[in-house]
């Protein structure tokens, strides 16, 4: 059972309205005149980080990827709960966790610890809580025909950074994008009042755009020539399928002027699926749109 099949099976269970049909990366619960936003992510050795990675960087990444889900809801972090494997590198993890929580001004609320399994692989988890003051809180769903598809930052840097971590040559700034991603919290809060749909790019630009289109009941179009790349990268297809970007992907109405730096890369039309082009010329979909967890 792959990730999509597992989530589809979960949808048959009793769901809270705040779960949004499990079509989003976070749950949203009304809380007075605001909303409480909850998200939970896990990261595992040899899946999300390398065994050779400094566990201080792993702690930073664990916090950052969860706060990125809050950013996509326009939420401000309230605190996190941490689950951690206790190994010889646990002290380095705690050091990195201290740095990350201080940097993002996010307190620790609690959590749990376990011993690693027989294979010794480490797994860490985080539940992040946030408060969203703008209503409605953006979701993956909500894009409308004619909306533009936009993304913040540059795409593919972390994928190139992973290759560097594995021994390839490349600049330190790309390695840093892999080791210590930055959740776009301020950008998310600025965008939330204006967008029709928003999510973060975690598994790859193409697969996440297709998920937004599916949740919205539309087709998404992307012009690969418009996808923003850093000066160090040139292979746009590799960048668009790499993942770990943690930029914000959002749908906005025609004529929209973003309040933060962002690039329009396509739009939404009636239909289904994902359609690619390069300066107007159709481009076939690659065999793999991004990362999908499978056994």
Protein backbone atom coordinates (compact mmCIF):
# COMPACT_ATOMS: atom_id res chain seq x y z
CA UNK A 1 0.00 0.00 0.00
CA UNK A 2 1.53 3.33 -1.03
CA UNK A 3 0.97 6.70 0.59
CA UNK A 4 -2.02 7.68 -1.56
CA UNK A 5 -3.75 4.31 -1.03
CA UNK A 6 -3.19 4.46 2.72
CA UNK A 7 -4.68 7.97 2.99
CA UNK A 8 -7.63 6.88 0.83
CA UNK A 9 -8.27 4.02 3.26
CA UNK A 10 -8.15 6.43 6.21
CA UNK A 11 -10.91 8.51 4.65
CA UNK A 12 -13.34 5.66 5.44
CA UNK A 13 -12.74 6.22 9.18
CA UNK A 14 -14.75 8.65 11.31
CA UNK A 15 -13.28 12.08 10.54
CA UNK A 16 -13.59 15.38 12.35
CA UNK A 17 -14.74 18.27 10.16
CA UNK A 18 -11.43 19.92 10.95
CA UNK A 19 -9.61 17.08 9.17
CA UNK A 20 -10.77 18.58 5.86
CA UNK A 21 -11.35 15.14 4.40
CA UNK A 22 -7.61 14.39 4.72
CA UNK A 23 -7.11 16.45 1.55
CA UNK A 24 -4.84 18.95 3.28
CA UNK A 25 -1.55 18.95 5.21
CA UNK A 26 -3.09 20.25 8.43
CA UNK A 27 -6.26 20.08 10.49
CA UNK A 28 -8.11 23.33 11.18
CA UNK A 29 -10.34 23.69 14.24
CA UNK A 30 -12.37 26.82 15.07
CA UNK A 31 -11.14 28.37 18.31
CA UNK A 32 -13.02 31.49 19.32
CA UNK A 33 -12.59 34.07 16.56
CA UNK A 34 -9.45 32.33 15.29
CA UNK A 35 -8.49 28.84 14.14
CA UNK A 36 -6.23 26.27 15.73
CA UNK A 37 -4.05 24.60 13.07
CA UNK A 38 -2.48 21.21 13.79
CA UNK A 39 -0.02 19.24 11.68
CA UNK A 40 2.16 16.18 12.23
CA UNK A 41 5.16 15.02 10.20
CA UNK A 42 7.73 12.26 10.65
CA UNK A 43 11.22 12.01 9.21
CA UNK A 44 13.20 8.79 8.95
CA UNK A 45 16.85 7.93 8.37
CA UNK A 46 17.65 7.03 4.75
CA UNK A 47 14.27 8.45 3.66
CA UNK A 48 14.31 12.11 4.70
CA UNK A 49 17.89 12.44 5.94
CA UNK A 50 21.17 10.59 5.55
CA UNK A 51 22.78 8.51 8.25
CA UNK A 52 25.81 10.80 7.95
CA UNK A 53 23.81 14.00 8.52
CA UNK A 54 24.56 15.91 11.71
CA UNK A 55 21.61 15.27 14.03
CA UNK A 56 21.58 18.95 14.94
CA UNK A 57 20.60 19.62 11.32
CA UNK A 58 18.05 16.78 11.47
CA UNK A 59 16.38 18.48 14.44
CA UNK A 60 16.23 21.77 12.54
CA UNK A 61 14.70 20.03 9.53
CA UNK A 62 12.10 18.25 11.67
CA UNK A 63 10.88 21.54 13.11
CA UNK A 64 11.09 23.40 9.80
CA UNK A 65 9.05 20.94 7.74
CA UNK A 66 6.23 21.03 10.28
CA UNK A 67 6.26 24.81 10.53
CA UNK A 68 6.12 24.87 6.73
CA UNK A 69 2.68 23.23 6.93
CA UNK A 70 1.59 26.01 9.29
CA UNK A 71 3.00 28.59 6.86
CA UNK A 72 0.75 27.20 4.12
CA UNK A 73 -2.25 27.93 6.35
CA UNK A 74 -1.10 31.46 7.13
CA UNK A 75 -0.67 30.39 10.75
CA UNK A 76 1.66 31.60 13.48
CA UNK A 77 3.39 28.81 15.47
CA UNK A 78 2.19 28.24 19.04
CA UNK A 79 4.42 25.28 19.95
CA UNK A 80 5.58 21.77 19.03
CA UNK A 81 5.61 18.27 20.49
CA UNK A 82 8.60 16.10 19.56
CA UNK A 83 9.03 12.33 19.22
CA UNK A 84 12.64 11.16 19.15
CA UNK A 85 14.73 8.00 18.86
CA UNK A 86 17.24 7.84 21.70
CA UNK A 87 20.65 7.04 20.23
CA UNK A 88 24.24 8.10 20.76
CA UNK A 89 23.47 11.23 18.71
CA UNK A 90 20.53 12.29 20.92
CA UNK A 91 22.56 15.08 22.53
CA UNK A 92 23.35 16.58 19.11
CA UNK A 93 19.65 16.39 18.27
CA UNK A 94 18.75 18.31 21.43
CA UNK A 95 21.36 20.95 20.62
CA UNK A 96 19.91 21.42 17.14
CA UNK A 97 16.37 21.45 18.51
CA UNK A 98 17.31 24.29 20.86
CA UNK A 99 18.74 26.31 17.98
CA UNK A 100 15.69 25.70 15.75
CA UNK A 101 13.09 26.51 18.39
CA UNK A 102 14.92 29.69 19.36
CA UNK A 103 15.29 30.73 15.71
CA UNK A 104 11.60 30.25 14.94
CA UNK A 105 10.49 31.58 18.37
CA UNK A 106 8.50 28.39 18.92
CA UNK A 107 8.39 26.74 22.38
CA UNK A 108 8.48 23.02 23.12
CA UNK A 109 5.23 21.65 24.56
CA UNK A 110 6.31 18.06 25.22
CA UNK A 111 6.55 14.77 23.34
CA UNK A 112 7.82 11.22 23.66
CA UNK A 113 10.98 9.13 23.24
CA UNK A 114 11.63 5.58 22.02
CA UNK A 115 14.60 3.30 21.50
CA UNK A 116 15.44 2.73 17.82
CA UNK A 117 14.36 -0.53 16.15
CA UNK A 118 16.61 -3.54 15.61
CA UNK A 119 17.98 -2.10 12.37
CA UNK A 120 19.10 1.00 14.26
CA UNK A 121 17.40 3.45 11.89
CA UNK A 122 16.30 6.63 13.60
CA UNK A 123 12.83 8.14 13.30
CA UNK A 124 11.76 11.54 14.59
CA UNK A 125 8.29 13.09 14.64
CA UNK A 126 6.79 16.47 15.38
CA UNK A 127 3.32 17.84 15.98
CA UNK A 128 3.11 21.57 15.41
CA UNK A 129 0.28 23.79 16.61
CA UNK A 130 -0.46 27.20 15.20
CA UNK A 131 -3.03 29.97 15.32
CA UNK A 132 -4.55 31.45 12.18
CA UNK A 133 -6.27 34.81 12.49
CA UNK A 134 -7.42 35.11 8.87
CA UNK A 135 -10.59 33.21 7.99
CA UNK A 136 -11.14 31.12 6.01
CA UNK A 137 -7.82 29.33 6.49
CA UNK A 138 -6.39 28.43 3.05
CA UNK A 139 -6.46 24.79 1.96
CA UNK A 140 -5.20 22.79 -1.01
CA UNK A 141 -8.73 22.94 -2.38
CA UNK A 142 -10.29 26.19 -3.54
CA UNK A 143 -8.46 27.00 -6.78
CA UNK A 144 -10.83 28.36 -9.44
CA UNK A 145 -10.74 28.18 -13.26
CA UNK A 146 -8.65 31.10 -14.50
CA UNK A 147 -6.59 31.36 -11.32
CA UNK A 148 -2.85 31.73 -11.69
CA UNK A 149 -0.50 29.18 -10.13
CA UNK A 150 2.31 30.85 -8.19
CA UNK A 151 5.32 29.76 -6.17
CA UNK A 152 7.68 31.55 -3.79
CA UNK A 153 11.47 31.30 -3.94
CA UNK A 154 13.43 28.95 -6.17
CA UNK A 155 12.78 25.29 -6.90
CA UNK A 156 15.18 22.33 -6.84
CA UNK A 157 17.86 23.73 -4.54
CA UNK A 158 17.35 21.12 -1.82
CA UNK A 159 17.38 18.28 -4.33
CA UNK A 160 20.74 19.50 -5.58
CA UNK A 161 21.84 19.89 -1.96
CA UNK A 162 21.02 16.24 -1.28
CA UNK A 163 23.26 15.23 -4.16
CA UNK A 164 26.04 17.33 -2.60
CA UNK A 165 25.47 15.66 0.77
CA UNK A 166 25.95 12.34 -1.02
CA UNK A 167 29.31 13.43 -2.42
CA UNK A 168 28.60 15.52 -5.53
CA UNK A 169 30.34 18.85 -6.03
CA UNK A 170 28.36 22.04 -5.55
CA UNK A 171 28.03 25.30 -3.65
CA UNK A 172 27.46 25.43 0.10
CA UNK A 173 24.20 27.38 -0.26
CA UNK A 174 22.54 24.45 -2.04
CA UNK A 175 23.69 22.04 0.67
CA UNK A 176 22.24 24.42 3.25
CA UNK A 177 18.84 24.36 1.51
CA UNK A 178 18.79 20.57 2.01
CA UNK A 179 20.14 20.54 5.56
CA UNK A 180 18.24 23.53 6.97
CA UNK A 181 15.11 24.44 4.99
CA UNK A 182 13.29 27.66 5.83
CA UNK A 183 9.50 27.61 6.35
CA UNK A 184 7.92 30.65 4.69
CA UNK A 185 5.95 31.73 7.76
CA UNK A 186 5.86 35.48 7.12
CA UNK A 187 5.02 34.91 3.45
CA UNK A 188 2.18 32.57 4.38
CA UNK A 189 0.61 35.10 6.72
CA UNK A 190 0.89 37.82 4.06
CA UNK A 191 -0.65 35.62 1.35
CA UNK A 192 -3.45 33.97 3.34
CA UNK A 193 -6.01 36.81 2.97
CA UNK A 194 -5.60 36.87 -0.82
CA UNK A 195 -5.20 33.32 -2.15
CA UNK A 196 -7.84 30.77 -3.16
CA UNK A 197 -5.64 27.75 -2.30
CA UNK A 198 -2.19 27.25 -0.80
CA UNK A 199 0.17 24.44 0.22
CA UNK A 200 3.88 23.95 0.70
CA UNK A 201 6.11 22.18 -1.81
CA UNK A 202 7.47 19.14 0.02
CA UNK A 203 7.41 16.16 -2.35
CA UNK A 204 8.15 18.07 -5.57
CA UNK A 205 6.62 20.97 -7.48
CA UNK A 206 4.89 18.80 -10.09
CA UNK A 207 3.35 16.24 -7.74
CA UNK A 208 2.22 18.92 -5.30
CA UNK A 209 0.68 21.03 -8.09
CA UNK A 210 -1.19 17.94 -9.26
CA UNK A 211 -2.46 17.42 -5.69
CA UNK A 212 -3.75 20.99 -5.52
CA UNK A 213 -5.48 20.52 -8.87
CA UNK A 214 -7.06 17.24 -7.75
CA UNK A 215 -8.26 18.71 -4.45
CA UNK A 216 -9.77 21.65 -6.35
CA UNK A 217 -11.41 19.49 -9.04
CA UNK A 218 -9.44 21.18 -11.83
CA UNK A 219 -6.49 20.73 -14.16
CA UNK A 220 -3.23 22.56 -13.50
CA UNK A 221 -1.01 23.93 -16.28
CA UNK A 222 2.69 24.68 -15.71
CA UNK A 223 5.06 26.36 -18.16
CA UNK A 224 8.44 24.88 -17.25
CA UNK A 225 10.23 27.91 -18.71
CA UNK A 226 8.68 30.01 -15.91
CA UNK A 227 9.74 27.80 -12.99
CA UNK A 228 12.22 29.86 -10.90
CA UNK A 229 15.65 28.25 -10.56
CA UNK A 230 18.72 29.45 -8.71
CA UNK A 231 21.72 30.41 -10.89
CA UNK A 232 23.37 27.10 -9.97
CA UNK A 233 20.67 24.95 -11.64
CA UNK A 234 19.61 24.41 -15.25
CA UNK A 235 17.70 21.09 -15.37
CA UNK A 236 14.17 22.30 -14.72
CA UNK A 237 12.56 18.84 -14.82
CA UNK A 238 14.97 17.51 -12.21
CA UNK A 239 14.32 20.56 -10.06
CA UNK A 240 10.53 20.32 -10.40
CA UNK A 241 10.45 16.67 -9.28
CA UNK A 242 13.13 16.78 -6.56
CA UNK A 243 11.16 17.84 -3.48
CA UNK A 244 12.22 19.25 -0.09
CA UNK A 245 11.80 22.84 -1.33
CA UNK A 246 9.34 23.99 1.36
CA UNK A 247 8.32 26.97 -0.74
CA UNK A 248 4.66 28.03 -0.93
CA UNK A 249 2.53 27.05 -3.92
CA UNK A 250 -0.69 29.01 -4.27
CA UNK A 251 -3.64 29.81 -6.52
CA UNK A 252 -4.64 33.45 -6.95
CA UNK A 253 -7.14 35.32 -9.15
CA UNK A 254 -6.25 37.00 -12.47
CA UNK A 255 -4.46 40.31 -12.03
CA UNK A 256 -3.14 39.32 -8.60
CA UNK A 257 -0.11 41.26 -7.37
CA UNK A 258 1.61 39.20 -4.66
CA UNK A 259 2.57 41.00 -1.44
CA UNK A 260 5.75 38.87 -1.25
CA UNK A 261 8.30 37.80 -3.91
CA UNK A 262 6.68 35.04 -5.98
CA UNK A 263 6.61 33.76 -9.56
CA UNK A 264 3.56 32.88 -11.67
CA UNK A 265 4.33 29.51 -13.30
CA UNK A 266 0.95 28.55 -14.76
CA UNK A 267 -2.72 28.38 -13.93
CA UNK A 268 -5.87 26.34 -13.47
CA UNK A 269 -8.46 25.33 -16.07
CA UNK A 270 -11.50 23.07 -16.21
CA UNK A 271 -10.53 19.42 -16.44
CA UNK A 272 -8.28 17.14 -14.44
CA UNK A 273 -4.62 16.29 -14.09
CA UNK A 274 -1.41 18.16 -14.82
CA UNK A 275 -0.33 19.61 -18.18
CA UNK A 276 3.20 20.78 -18.91
CA UNK A 277 4.57 23.07 -21.59
CA UNK A 278 7.77 24.93 -22.39
CA UNK A 279 7.08 28.38 -23.85
CA UNK A 280 3.82 27.08 -25.27
CA UNK A 281 5.11 23.78 -26.64
CA UNK A 282 3.55 20.72 -24.94
CA UNK A 283 5.88 18.63 -22.78
CA UNK A 284 5.07 15.02 -21.80
CA UNK A 285 4.76 14.25 -18.12
CA UNK A 286 7.81 12.53 -16.63
CA UNK A 287 7.42 8.98 -15.29
CA UNK A 288 7.81 10.34 -11.76
CA UNK A 289 6.20 13.64 -10.71
CA UNK A 290 7.88 13.68 -7.31
CA UNK A 291 8.38 11.66 -4.17
CA UNK A 292 5.72 9.15 -3.09
CA UNK A 293 6.13 6.92 -0.04
CA UNK A 294 5.77 3.26 -1.00
CA UNK A 295 6.72 -0.14 0.36
